[in-house]
Amino acid sequence: MRWLAYAHPLFMLVLLGLGVQVLRDGLRVRRARLLGTRADSRRHRRLARWFVGLAVPGFAGGLSSMLWLRPDPALESFHFALALPALACWLTAGALGLRLERGRAVNRHAHAALGAAGLLLGLAAAVAGFAILP
């Protein structure tokens, strides 16, 4: 049963790797737009949907791990203080991305900044999470 404590960290490390790929694809699309050339954004949009969709159960898995597998208070760790705003950034960036995809007026810079900030917070949460591993 002790191995379950490592399921959330491993899942989230893989997810952060996917997030880095989403960021790279988004930067490629942005660079092309700034240069006035066409770039296919389908891969960015497809991977981003998976990323945001998996971030929610990943976050829930972390809460479950804290509540059932560890004696520590669930909501008092520095890891949680970084992970919660990371998730909020990803969800907001995802909502803005959906609006962009549907052709609605959205601040592209806010979409990019929130996605990147969420990734930085997520990476910081990963580092902070090492301190609470069993």
Protein backbone atom coordinates (compact mmCIF):
# COMPACT_ATOMS: atom_id res chain seq x y z
CA MET A 1 0.00 0.00 0.00
CA ARG A 2 2.96 2.32 0.57
CA TRP A 3 3.57 2.44 -3.20
CA LEU A 4 0.29 4.37 -3.63
CA ALA A 5 2.01 7.39 -2.11
CA TYR A 6 4.16 7.53 -5.26
CA ALA A 7 1.30 7.26 -7.77
CA HIS A 8 0.37 10.96 -7.57
CA PRO A 9 3.96 12.27 -7.90
CA LEU A 10 4.70 10.02 -10.88
CA PHE A 11 1.44 10.92 -12.59
CA MET A 12 2.06 14.62 -12.08
CA LEU A 13 5.65 14.46 -13.32
CA VAL A 14 4.42 12.89 -16.55
CA LEU A 15 1.68 15.51 -16.72
CA LEU A 16 4.21 18.34 -16.27
CA GLY A 17 6.20 16.85 -19.15
CA LEU A 18 3.04 17.06 -21.25
CA GLY A 19 2.61 20.65 -20.06
CA VAL A 20 6.10 21.53 -21.28
CA GLN A 21 5.18 20.12 -24.70
CA VAL A 22 1.95 22.15 -24.74
CA LEU A 23 3.99 25.26 -23.91
CA ARG A 24 6.51 24.53 -26.68
CA ASP A 25 3.72 24.06 -29.22
CA GLY A 26 2.03 27.27 -28.08
CA LEU A 27 5.28 29.19 -28.44
CA ARG A 28 5.71 27.78 -31.94
CA VAL A 29 2.22 28.98 -32.90
CA ARG A 30 2.89 32.38 -31.34
CA ARG A 31 6.22 32.77 -33.12
CA ALA A 32 4.60 31.96 -36.47
CA ARG A 33 1.78 34.45 -35.82
CA LEU A 34 4.28 37.19 -34.96
CA LEU A 35 6.25 36.46 -38.13
CA GLY A 36 3.07 36.61 -40.18
CA THR A 37 3.19 32.97 -41.26
CA ARG A 38 0.67 30.18 -40.76
CA ALA A 39 1.16 27.61 -38.05
CA ASP A 40 -1.06 24.66 -37.36
CA SER A 41 -2.33 24.93 -33.78
CA ARG A 42 -4.24 21.63 -33.76
CA ARG A 43 -1.57 19.74 -31.83
CA HIS A 44 -1.33 22.51 -29.20
CA ARG A 45 -5.09 22.51 -28.76
CA ARG A 46 -5.36 18.71 -28.61
CA LEU A 47 -2.54 18.26 -26.09
CA ALA A 48 -3.76 21.21 -24.01
CA ARG A 49 -7.19 19.61 -23.65
CA TRP A 50 -5.57 16.42 -22.37
CA PHE A 51 -3.30 18.40 -20.08
CA VAL A 52 -6.05 20.43 -18.43
CA GLY A 53 -8.38 17.45 -18.32
CA LEU A 54 -5.79 15.32 -16.53
CA ALA A 55 -4.67 18.11 -14.18
CA VAL A 56 -7.98 17.99 -12.27
CA PRO A 57 -7.84 14.28 -11.39
CA GLY A 58 -4.11 14.66 -10.71
CA PHE A 59 -4.85 17.41 -8.20
CA ALA A 60 -7.64 15.32 -6.67
CA GLY A 61 -5.23 12.41 -6.42
CA GLY A 62 -2.85 14.58 -4.44
CA LEU A 63 -5.59 15.61 -2.03
CA SER A 64 -6.66 11.99 -1.66
CA SER A 65 -3.08 10.98 -0.99
CA MET A 66 -2.73 13.62 1.72
CA LEU A 67 -6.01 12.68 3.38
CA TRP A 68 -5.72 8.89 3.31
CA LEU A 69 -2.05 7.98 3.04
CA ARG A 70 -0.28 10.58 5.13
CA PRO A 71 -0.67 11.82 8.67
CA ASP A 72 0.09 15.44 7.66
CA PRO A 73 -2.63 18.11 7.52
CA ALA A 74 -3.89 18.07 3.92
CA LEU A 75 -4.15 21.77 3.19
CA GLU A 76 -1.21 23.18 5.12
CA SER A 77 1.77 22.18 3.00
CA PHE A 78 3.77 24.54 0.82
CA HIS A 79 3.21 22.00 -1.96
CA PHE A 80 -0.55 22.56 -1.74
CA ALA A 81 -0.07 26.35 -1.63
CA LEU A 82 1.72 26.11 -5.00
CA ALA A 83 -0.46 23.41 -6.58
CA LEU A 84 -3.80 25.16 -6.02
CA PRO A 85 -2.89 28.36 -7.92
CA ALA A 86 -1.20 26.25 -10.62
CA LEU A 87 -4.48 24.42 -11.20
CA ALA A 88 -6.40 27.71 -11.18
CA CYS A 89 -4.03 29.14 -13.80
CA TRP A 90 -4.39 26.06 -16.01
CA LEU A 91 -8.17 26.05 -15.78
CA THR A 92 -8.38 29.76 -16.57
CA ALA A 93 -5.88 29.49 -19.44
CA GLY A 94 -7.89 26.55 -20.77
CA ALA A 95 -11.13 28.52 -20.63
CA LEU A 96 -9.48 31.42 -22.46
CA GLY A 97 -8.05 28.99 -25.01
CA LEU A 98 -11.52 27.61 -25.72
CA ARG A 99 -12.76 31.14 -26.27
CA LEU A 100 -9.86 31.80 -28.63
CA GLU A 101 -10.64 28.63 -30.54
CA ARG A 102 -14.24 29.68 -30.97
CA GLY A 103 -13.21 33.05 -32.38
CA ARG A 104 -14.29 35.14 -29.42
CA ALA A 105 -12.30 38.19 -28.43
CA VAL A 106 -9.80 37.13 -25.79
CA ASN A 107 -6.52 38.56 -24.61
CA ARG A 108 -3.99 36.10 -26.07
CA HIS A 109 -1.35 37.42 -23.69
CA ALA A 110 -3.48 36.49 -20.68
CA HIS A 111 -3.95 32.97 -22.08
CA ALA A 112 -0.20 32.57 -22.57
CA ALA A 113 0.78 34.19 -19.27
CA LEU A 114 -1.65 32.10 -17.23
CA GLY A 115 -0.58 28.89 -18.92
CA ALA A 116 3.11 29.63 -18.39
CA ALA A 117 2.58 30.83 -14.81
CA GLY A 118 0.65 27.66 -14.05
CA LEU A 119 3.47 25.56 -15.45
CA LEU A 120 6.06 27.41 -13.35
CA LEU A 121 3.90 27.00 -10.25
CA GLY A 122 3.41 23.34 -11.08
CA LEU A 123 7.15 22.80 -11.43
CA ALA A 124 7.72 24.59 -8.12
CA ALA A 125 5.01 22.42 -6.54
CA ALA A 126 6.82 19.34 -7.82
CA VAL A 127 10.04 20.46 -6.13
CA ALA A 128 8.16 21.27 -2.92
CA GLY A 129 6.42 17.90 -3.11
CA PHE A 130 9.70 16.05 -2.72
CA ALA A 131 9.82 17.27 0.87
CA ILE A 132 6.58 15.49 1.74
CA LEU A 133 7.31 12.13 0.08
CA PRO A 134 7.33 9.24 2.56
